PDB file of N, CA and C in Angstrom:
ATOM      1  N   MET A   1      58.264  65.463 103.014  1.00  0.00           N
ATOM      2  CA  MET A   1      57.430  64.747 102.053  1.00  0.00           C
ATOM      3  C   MET A   1      57.398  65.481 100.714  1.00  0.00           C
ATOM      4  N   LYS A   2      57.367  66.814 100.784  1.00  0.00           N
ATOM      5  CA  LYS A   2      57.332  67.604  99.557  1.00  0.00           C
ATOM      6  C   LYS A   2      58.614  67.404  98.749  1.00  0.00           C
ATOM      7  N   ARG A   3      59.746  67.293  99.445  1.00  0.00           N
ATOM      8  CA  ARG A   3      61.024  67.071  98.746  1.00  0.00           C
ATOM      9  C   ARG A   3      61.042  65.722  98.037  1.00  0.00           C
ATOM     10  N   VAL A   4      60.488  64.712  98.666  1.00  0.00           N
ATOM     11  CA  VAL A   4      60.448  63.385  98.053  1.00  0.00           C
ATOM     12  C   VAL A   4      59.611  63.422  96.784  1.00  0.00           C
ATOM     13  N   ILE A   5      58.494  64.093  96.832  1.00  0.00           N
ATOM     14  CA  ILE A   5      57.627  64.205  95.656  1.00  0.00           C
ATOM     15  C   ILE A   5      58.335  64.965  94.541  1.00  0.00           C
ATOM     16  N   LEU A   6      59.010  66.050  94.893  1.00  0.00           N
ATOM     17  CA  LEU A   6      59.718  66.831  93.877  1.00  0.00           C
ATOM     18  C   LEU A   6      60.898  66.055  93.301  1.00  0.00           C
ATOM     19  N   LEU A   7      61.605  65.300  94.124  1.00  0.00           N
ATOM     20  CA  LEU A   7      62.689  64.462  93.613  1.00  0.00           C
ATOM     21  C   LEU A   7      62.152  63.369  92.691  1.00  0.00           C
ATOM     22  N   LEU A   8      61.030  62.794  93.041  1.00  0.00           N
ATOM     23  CA  LEU A   8      60.411  61.792  92.189  1.00  0.00           C
ATOM     24  C   LEU A   8      59.986  62.409  90.855  1.00  0.00           C
ATOM     25  N   LEU A   9      59.448  63.612  90.904  1.00  0.00           N
ATOM     26  CA  LEU A   9      59.073  64.327  89.682  1.00  0.00           C
ATOM     27  C   LEU A   9      60.290  64.568  88.798  1.00  0.00           C
ATOM     28  N   MET A  10      61.398  65.004  89.390  1.00  0.00           N
ATOM     29  CA  MET A  10      62.628  65.232  88.622  1.00  0.00           C
ATOM     30  C   MET A  10      63.143  63.929  88.011  1.00  0.00           C
ATOM     31  N   PHE A  11      63.080  62.851  88.768  1.00  0.00           N
ATOM     32  CA  PHE A  11      63.526  61.558  88.271  1.00  0.00           C
ATOM     33  C   PHE A  11      62.681  61.110  87.081  1.00  0.00           C
ATOM     34  N   LEU A  12      61.373  61.265  87.187  1.00  0.00           N
ATOM     35  CA  LEU A  12      60.483  60.858  86.096  1.00  0.00           C
ATOM     36  C   LEU A  12      60.701  61.705  84.845  1.00  0.00           C
ATOM     37  N   VAL A  13      60.883  63.002  85.033  1.00  0.00           N
ATOM     38  CA  VAL A  13      61.150  63.874  83.883  1.00  0.00           C
ATOM     39  C   VAL A  13      62.475  63.477  83.233  1.00  0.00           C
ATOM     40  N   GLY A  14      63.472  63.163  84.048  1.00  0.00           N
ATOM     41  CA  GLY A  14      64.752  62.716  83.506  1.00  0.00           C
ATOM     42  C   GLY A  14      64.620  61.425  82.714  1.00  0.00           C
ATOM     43  N   LEU A  15      63.828  60.490  83.215  1.00  0.00           N
ATOM     44  CA  LEU A  15      63.602  59.238  82.484  1.00  0.00           C
ATOM     45  C   LEU A  15      62.904  59.489  81.146  1.00  0.00           C
ATOM     46  N   VAL A  16      61.929  60.362  81.148  1.00  0.00           N
ATOM     47  CA  VAL A  16      61.227  60.674  79.897  1.00  0.00           C
ATOM     48  C   VAL A  16      62.178  61.321  78.899  1.00  0.00           C
ATOM     49  N   MET A  17      63.010  62.247  79.369  1.00  0.00           N
ATOM     50  CA  MET A  17      63.966  62.898  78.474  1.00  0.00           C
ATOM     51  C   MET A  17      64.976  61.882  77.923  1.00  0.00           C
ATOM     52  N   LEU A  18      65.404  60.964  78.760  1.00  0.00           N
ATOM     53  CA  LEU A  18      66.329  59.930  78.300  1.00  0.00           C
ATOM     54  C   LEU A  18      65.648  59.016  77.284  1.00  0.00           C
ATOM     55  N   TYR A  19      64.386  58.682  77.516  1.00  0.00           N
ATOM     56  CA  TYR A  19      63.654  57.819  76.582  1.00  0.00           C
ATOM     57  C   TYR A  19      63.466  58.500  75.228  1.00  0.00           C
ATOM     58  N   LEU A  20      63.270  59.795  75.236  1.00  0.00           N
ATOM     59  CA  LEU A  20      63.105  60.519  73.979  1.00  0.00           C
ATOM     60  C   LEU A  20      64.393  60.576  73.169  1.00  0.00           C
ATOM     61  N   SER A  21      65.521  60.459  73.842  1.00  0.00           N
ATOM     62  CA  SER A  21      66.813  60.597  73.170  1.00  0.00           C
ATOM     63  C   SER A  21      67.258  59.288  72.537  1.00  0.00           C
ATOM     64  N   ARG A  22      68.349  59.375  71.835  1.00  0.00           N
ATOM     65  CA  ARG A  22      68.957  58.183  71.243  1.00  0.00           C
ATOM     66  C   ARG A  22      69.778  57.408  72.259  1.00  0.00           C
ATOM     67  N   PHE A  23      69.883  57.902  73.490  1.00  0.00           N
ATOM     68  CA  PHE A  23      70.731  57.291  74.501  1.00  0.00           C
ATOM     69  C   PHE A  23      70.008  56.272  75.376  1.00  0.00           C
ATOM     70  N   TRP A  24      68.742  56.011  75.131  1.00  0.00           N
ATOM     71  CA  TRP A  24      67.981  55.041  75.917  1.00  0.00           C
ATOM     72  C   TRP A  24      68.571  53.661  75.666  1.00  0.00           C
ATOM     73  N   PHE A  25      68.855  52.916  76.727  1.00  0.00           N
ATOM     74  CA  PHE A  25      69.533  51.634  76.590  1.00  0.00           C
ATOM     75  C   PHE A  25      68.771  50.474  77.206  1.00  0.00           C
ATOM     76  N   LEU A  26      67.620  50.717  77.791  1.00  0.00           N
ATOM     77  CA  LEU A  26      66.869  49.660  78.463  1.00  0.00           C
ATOM     78  C   LEU A  26      65.724  49.155  77.587  1.00  0.00           C
ATOM     79  N   ASP A  27      65.529  47.854  77.581  1.00  0.00           N
ATOM     80  CA  ASP A  27      64.359  47.259  76.928  1.00  0.00           C
ATOM     81  C   ASP A  27      63.499  46.666  78.027  1.00  0.00           C
ATOM     82  N   LEU A  28      62.638  47.473  78.594  1.00  0.00           N
ATOM     83  CA  LEU A  28      61.869  47.072  79.773  1.00  0.00           C
ATOM     84  C   LEU A  28      60.483  46.536  79.451  1.00  0.00           C
ATOM     85  N   TRP A  29      60.029  46.692  78.217  1.00  0.00           N
ATOM     86  CA  TRP A  29      58.691  46.223  77.866  1.00  0.00           C
ATOM     87  C   TRP A  29      58.753  45.557  76.491  1.00  0.00           C
ATOM     88  N   PRO A  30      57.700  44.823  76.132  1.00  0.00           N
ATOM     89  CA  PRO A  30      57.725  44.053  74.882  1.00  0.00           C
ATOM     90  C   PRO A  30      57.721  44.941  73.642  1.00  0.00           C
ATOM     91  N   ARG A  31      58.053  44.330  72.505  1.00  0.00           N
ATOM     92  CA  ARG A  31      58.127  45.064  71.230  1.00  0.00           C
ATOM     93  C   ARG A  31      56.779  45.644  70.819  1.00  0.00           C
ATOM     94  N   SER A  32      55.694  45.127  71.366  1.00  0.00           N
ATOM     95  CA  SER A  32      54.377  45.656  71.007  1.00  0.00           C
ATOM     96  C   SER A  32      54.186  47.079  71.524  1.00  0.00           C
ATOM     97  N   GLY A  33      55.026  47.510  72.444  1.00  0.00           N
ATOM     98  CA  GLY A  33      54.963  48.869  72.945  1.00  0.00           C
ATOM     99  C   GLY A  33      54.479  48.935  74.384  1.00  0.00           C
ATOM    100  N   LEU A  34      54.819  50.007  75.039  1.00  0.00           N
ATOM    101  CA  LEU A  34      54.413  50.228  76.420  1.00  0.00           C
ATOM    102  C   LEU A  34      52.908  50.439  76.481  1.00  0.00           C
ATOM    103  N   PHE A  35      52.239  49.718  77.356  1.00  0.00           N
ATOM    104  CA  PHE A  35      50.779  49.760  77.525  1.00  0.00           C
ATOM    105  C   PHE A  35      50.042  49.433  76.231  1.00  0.00           C
ATOM    106  N   GLY A  36      50.709  48.698  75.327  1.00  0.00           N
ATOM    107  CA  GLY A  36      50.086  48.318  74.067  1.00  0.00           C
ATOM    108  C   GLY A  36      50.146  49.394  72.998  1.00  0.00           C
ATOM    109  N   TRP A  37      50.821  50.495  73.274  1.00  0.00           N
ATOM    110  CA  TRP A  37      50.952  51.571  72.284  1.00  0.00           C
ATOM    111  C   TRP A  37      52.166  51.295  71.415  1.00  0.00           C
ATOM    112  N   ALA A  38      51.942  51.067  70.151  1.00  0.00           N
ATOM    113  CA  ALA A  38      53.035  50.742  69.225  1.00  0.00           C
ATOM    114  C   ALA A  38      54.016  51.904  69.084  1.00  0.00           C
ATOM    115  N   GLU A  39      53.586  53.116  69.362  1.00  0.00           N
ATOM    116  CA  GLU A  39      54.461  54.285  69.246  1.00  0.00           C
ATOM    117  C   GLU A  39      55.537  54.307  70.323  1.00  0.00           C
ATOM    118  N   LEU A  40      55.302  53.610  71.431  1.00  0.00           N
ATOM    119  CA  LEU A  40      56.252  53.607  72.543  1.00  0.00           C
ATOM    120  C   LEU A  40      57.051  52.307  72.542  1.00  0.00           C
ATOM    121  N   ARG A  41      57.886  52.135  71.564  1.00  0.00           N
ATOM    122  CA  ARG A  41      58.727  50.948  71.436  1.00  0.00           C
ATOM    123  C   ARG A  41      59.761  50.916  72.560  1.00  0.00           C
ATOM    124  N   PRO A  42      60.283  49.742  72.885  1.00  0.00           N
ATOM    125  CA  PRO A  42      61.224  49.641  73.999  1.00  0.00           C
ATOM    126  C   PRO A  42      62.591  50.268  73.722  1.00  0.00           C
ATOM    127  N   GLY A  43      62.913  50.558  72.484  1.00  0.00           N
ATOM    128  CA  GLY A  43      64.242  51.066  72.156  1.00  0.00           C
ATOM    129  C   GLY A  43      64.437  52.552  72.355  1.00  0.00           C
ATOM    130  N   GLY A  44      63.391  53.297  72.680  1.00  0.00           N
ATOM    131  CA  GLY A  44      63.523  54.742  72.854  1.00  0.00           C
ATOM    132  C   GLY A  44      63.784  55.440  71.528  1.00  0.00           C
ATOM    133  N   GLY A  45      64.448  56.590  71.585  1.00  0.00           N
ATOM    134  CA  GLY A  45      64.794  57.320  70.372  1.00  0.00           C
ATOM    135  C   GLY A  45      63.603  57.915  69.651  1.00  0.00           C
ATOM    136  N   LEU A  46      62.587  58.338  70.396  1.00  0.00           N
ATOM    137  CA  LEU A  46      61.381  58.868  69.759  1.00  0.00           C
ATOM    138  C   LEU A  46      61.650  60.137  68.958  1.00  0.00           C
ATOM    139  N   LEU A  47      62.491  61.005  69.482  1.00  0.00           N
ATOM    140  CA  LEU A  47      62.750  62.258  68.777  1.00  0.00           C
ATOM    141  C   LEU A  47      63.346  61.992  67.399  1.00  0.00           C
ATOM    142  N   GLY A  48      64.252  61.044  67.310  1.00  0.00           N
ATOM    143  CA  GLY A  48      64.837  60.687  66.012  1.00  0.00           C
ATOM    144  C   GLY A  48      63.799  60.167  65.041  1.00  0.00           C
ATOM    145  N   ARG A  49      62.855  59.378  65.551  1.00  0.00           N
ATOM    146  CA  ARG A  49      61.776  58.867  64.688  1.00  0.00           C
ATOM    147  C   ARG A  49      60.862  59.996  64.238  1.00  0.00           C
ATOM    148  N   TRP A  50      60.576  60.924  65.149  1.00  0.00           N
ATOM    149  CA  TRP A  50      59.697  62.037  64.794  1.00  0.00           C
ATOM    150  C   TRP A  50      60.343  62.950  63.750  1.00  0.00           C
ATOM    151  N   LEU A  51      61.666  63.093  63.810  1.00  0.00           N
ATOM    152  CA  LEU A  51      62.359  64.005  62.901  1.00  0.00           C
ATOM    153  C   LEU A  51      62.781  63.333  61.589  1.00  0.00           C
ATOM    154  N   ARG A  52      62.686  62.018  61.523  1.00  0.00           N
ATOM    155  CA  ARG A  52      63.111  61.297  60.329  1.00  0.00           C
ATOM    156  C   ARG A  52      62.331  61.794  59.117  1.00  0.00           C
ATOM    157  N   GLY A  53      63.087  62.080  58.039  1.00  0.00           N
ATOM    158  CA  GLY A  53      62.470  62.544  56.798  1.00  0.00           C
ATOM    159  C   GLY A  53      62.223  64.036  56.758  1.00  0.00           C
ATOM    160  N   THR A  54      62.589  64.752  57.797  1.00  0.00           N
ATOM    161  CA  THR A  54      62.431  66.209  57.813  1.00  0.00           C
ATOM    162  C   THR A  54      63.804  66.858  57.664  1.00  0.00           C
ATOM    163  N   PRO A  55      63.840  68.135  57.337  1.00  0.00           N
ATOM    164  CA  PRO A  55      65.138  68.813  57.247  1.00  0.00           C
ATOM    165  C   PRO A  55      65.821  68.983  58.610  1.00  0.00           C
ATOM    166  N   PHE A  56      65.097  68.706  59.692  1.00  0.00           N
ATOM    167  CA  PHE A  56      65.653  68.879  61.032  1.00  0.00           C
ATOM    168  C   PHE A  56      66.342  67.619  61.563  1.00  0.00           C
ATOM    169  N   ALA A  57      66.275  66.517  60.841  1.00  0.00           N
ATOM    170  CA  ALA A  57      66.837  65.250  61.301  1.00  0.00           C
ATOM    171  C   ALA A  57      68.321  65.341  61.664  1.00  0.00           C
ATOM    172  N   PRO A  58      69.157  66.068  60.899  1.00  0.00           N
ATOM    173  CA  PRO A  58      70.571  66.138  61.281  1.00  0.00           C
ATOM    174  C   PRO A  58      70.809  66.874  62.607  1.00  0.00           C
ATOM    175  N   PHE A  59      69.827  67.621  63.057  1.00  0.00           N
ATOM    176  CA  PHE A  59      69.989  68.420  64.275  1.00  0.00           C
ATOM    177  C   PHE A  59      69.292  67.793  65.475  1.00  0.00           C
ATOM    178  N   GLU A  60      69.078  66.485  65.422  1.00  0.00           N
ATOM    179  CA  GLU A  60      68.343  65.790  66.481  1.00  0.00           C
ATOM    180  C   GLU A  60      68.962  66.020  67.858  1.00  0.00           C
ATOM    181  N   LEU A  61      70.264  65.859  67.977  1.00  0.00           N
ATOM    182  CA  LEU A  61      70.924  66.004  69.277  1.00  0.00           C
ATOM    183  C   LEU A  61      70.832  67.432  69.787  1.00  0.00           C
ATOM    184  N   LEU A  62      70.994  68.405  68.906  1.00  0.00           N
ATOM    185  CA  LEU A  62      70.888  69.809  69.299  1.00  0.00           C
ATOM    186  C   LEU A  62      69.466  70.140  69.745  1.00  0.00           C
ATOM    187  N   ILE A  63      68.476  69.642  69.035  1.00  0.00           N
ATOM    188  CA  ILE A  63      67.077  69.871  69.399  1.00  0.00           C
ATOM    189  C   ILE A  63      66.777  69.209  70.742  1.00  0.00           C
ATOM    190  N   TRP A  64      67.284  67.993  70.939  1.00  0.00           N
ATOM    191  CA  TRP A  64      67.066  67.291  72.203  1.00  0.00           C
ATOM    192  C   TRP A  64      67.710  68.054  73.364  1.00  0.00           C
ATOM    193  N   ALA A  65      68.956  68.481  73.194  1.00  0.00           N
ATOM    194  CA  ALA A  65      69.662  69.190  74.267  1.00  0.00           C
ATOM    195  C   ALA A  65      68.973  70.510  74.602  1.00  0.00           C
ATOM    196  N   THR A  66      68.526  71.232  73.587  1.00  0.00           N
ATOM    197  CA  THR A  66      67.811  72.487  73.825  1.00  0.00           C
ATOM    198  C   THR A  66      66.497  72.225  74.542  1.00  0.00           C
ATOM    199  N   GLY A  67      65.786  71.211  74.129  1.00  0.00           N
ATOM    200  CA  GLY A  67      64.530  70.864  74.785  1.00  0.00           C
ATOM    201  C   GLY A  67      64.726  70.467  76.239  1.00  0.00           C
ATOM    202  N   VAL A  68      65.751  69.670  76.510  1.00  0.00           N
ATOM    203  CA  VAL A  68      66.042  69.268  77.886  1.00  0.00           C
ATOM    204  C   VAL A  68      66.377  70.491  78.722  1.00  0.00           C
ATOM    205  N   PHE A  69      67.200  71.383  78.193  1.00  0.00           N
ATOM    206  CA  PHE A  69      67.562  72.602  78.920  1.00  0.00           C
ATOM    207  C   PHE A  69      66.316  73.425  79.247  1.00  0.00           C
ATOM    208  N   LEU A  70      65.439  73.611  78.270  1.00  0.00           N
ATOM    209  CA  LEU A  70      64.231  74.405  78.504  1.00  0.00           C
ATOM    210  C   LEU A  70      63.290  73.729  79.496  1.00  0.00           C
ATOM    211  N   ILE A  71      63.104  72.440  79.353  1.00  0.00           N
ATOM    212  CA  ILE A  71      62.201  71.721  80.261  1.00  0.00           C
ATOM    213  C   ILE A  71      62.734  71.753  81.685  1.00  0.00           C
ATOM    214  N   LEU A  72      64.025  71.508  81.857  1.00  0.00           N
ATOM    215  CA  LEU A  72      64.591  71.542  83.207  1.00  0.00           C
ATOM    216  C   LEU A  72      64.584  72.948  83.803  1.00  0.00           C
ATOM    217  N   THR A  73      64.767  73.968  82.966  1.00  0.00           N
ATOM    218  CA  THR A  73      64.697  75.351  83.442  1.00  0.00           C
ATOM    219  C   THR A  73      63.302  75.669  83.967  1.00  0.00           C
ATOM    220  N   TYR A  74      62.284  75.337  83.199  1.00  0.00           N
ATOM    221  CA  TYR A  74      60.922  75.632  83.636  1.00  0.00           C
ATOM    222  C   TYR A  74      60.479  74.727  84.780  1.00  0.00           C
ATOM    223  N   LEU A  75      61.000  73.523  84.843  1.00  0.00           N
ATOM    224  CA  LEU A  75      60.713  72.659  85.990  1.00  0.00           C
ATOM    225  C   LEU A  75      61.334  73.241  87.258  1.00  0.00           C
ATOM    226  N   GLN A  76      62.543  73.811  87.149  1.00  0.00           N
ATOM    227  CA  GLN A  76      63.161  74.452  88.306  1.00  0.00           C
ATOM    228  C   GLN A  76      62.351  75.666  88.742  1.00  0.00           C
ATOM    229  N   LYS A  77      61.861  76.442  87.798  1.00  0.00           N
ATOM    230  CA  LYS A  77      61.010  77.587  88.145  1.00  0.00           C
ATOM    231  C   LYS A  77      59.733  77.118  88.851  1.00  0.00           C
ATOM    232  N   PHE A  78      59.162  76.017  88.388  1.00  0.00           N
ATOM    233  CA  PHE A  78      57.971  75.466  89.026  1.00  0.00           C
ATOM    234  C   PHE A  78      58.275  75.007  90.440  1.00  0.00           C
ATOM    235  N   ILE A  79      59.401  74.320  90.604  1.00  0.00           N
ATOM    236  CA  ILE A  79      59.784  73.845  91.938  1.00  0.00           C
ATOM    237  C   ILE A  79      60.046  75.019  92.872  1.00  0.00           C
ATOM    238  N   ASP A  80      60.693  76.062  92.381  1.00  0.00           N
ATOM    239  CA  ASP A  80      60.927  77.248  93.207  1.00  0.00           C
ATOM    240  C   ASP A  80      59.614  77.926  93.597  1.00  0.00           C
ATOM    241  N   PHE A  81      58.632  77.848  92.725  1.00  0.00           N
ATOM    242  CA  PHE A  81      57.328  78.436  93.019  1.00  0.00           C
ATOM    243  C   PHE A  81      56.573  77.615  94.064  1.00  0.00           C
ATOM    244  N   VAL A  82      56.641  76.287  93.917  1.00  0.00           N
ATOM    245  CA  VAL A  82      55.910  75.391  94.807  1.00  0.00           C
ATOM    246  C   VAL A  82      56.575  75.279  96.174  1.00  0.00           C
ATOM    247  N   ALA A  83      57.891  75.182  96.181  1.00  0.00           N
ATOM    248  CA  ALA A  83      58.622  74.972  97.436  1.00  0.00           C
ATOM    249  C   ALA A  83      59.766  75.972  97.535  1.00  0.00           C
ATOM    250  N   PRO A  84      59.466  77.220  97.865  1.00  0.00           N
ATOM    251  CA  PRO A  84      60.547  78.218  97.945  1.00  0.00           C
ATOM    252  C   PRO A  84      61.510  77.882  99.078  1.00  0.00           C
ATOM    253  N   GLN A  85      62.774  78.163  98.844  1.00  0.00           N
ATOM    254  CA  GLN A  85      63.805  77.926  99.848  1.00  0.00           C
ATOM    255  C   GLN A  85      63.789  79.057 100.871  1.00  0.00           C
ATOM    256  N   LYS A  86      64.062  78.709 102.116  1.00  0.00           N
ATOM    257  CA  LYS A  86      64.143  79.722 103.164  1.00  0.00           C
ATOM    258  C   LYS A  86      65.492  80.401 103.077  1.00  0.00           C
ATOM    259  N   ASP A  87      65.497  81.691 103.234  1.00  0.00           N
ATOM    260  CA  ASP A  87      66.732  82.464 103.178  1.00  0.00           C
ATOM    261  C   ASP A  87      67.396  82.388 104.553  1.00  0.00           C
ATOM    262  N   ASP A  88      68.618  81.832 104.608  1.00  0.00           N
ATOM    263  CA  ASP A  88      69.324  81.659 105.886  1.00  0.00           C
ATOM    264  C   ASP A  88      70.319  82.789 106.140  1.00  0.00           C
ATOM    265  N   THR A  89      70.368  83.793 105.277  1.00  0.00           N
ATOM    266  CA  THR A  89      71.300  84.898 105.529  1.00  0.00           C
ATOM    267  C   THR A  89      70.670  85.864 106.520  1.00  0.00           C
ATOM    268  N   HIS A  90      71.480  86.320 107.449  1.00  0.00           N
ATOM    269  CA  HIS A  90      71.008  87.239 108.480  1.00  0.00           C
ATOM    270  C   HIS A  90      71.861  88.488 108.455  1.00  0.00           C
ATOM    271  N   ASP A  91      71.218  89.616 108.565  1.00  0.00           N
ATOM    272  CA  ASP A  91      71.948  90.875 108.685  1.00  0.00           C
ATOM    273  C   ASP A  91      72.289  91.105 110.148  1.00  0.00           C
ATOM    274  N   HIS A  92      73.559  91.261 110.448  1.00  0.00           N
ATOM    275  CA  HIS A  92      73.976  91.481 111.829  1.00  0.00           C
ATOM    276  C   HIS A  92      74.309  92.903 112.068  1.00  0.00           C
TER     277      HIS A  92
END
């Protein structure tokens, strides 16, 4: 059961990271926004909108990739803390 929950957590984090990127391709909710929030448009690409007009806009993909790497790294550390793997090596 713990593995299912952790896999679901990883899937949800992956969906959020994809939605933040310019690679989101699904229009699953109306143009008014998810849950009525205009900030959550169906087209994704939030990071690009947040960086628009700043000197960091040309580095959107690099910032996204670095953020994904850091988030997944710390999520793996959290998962290792919550559900440590059993060591199957035996000294003979």
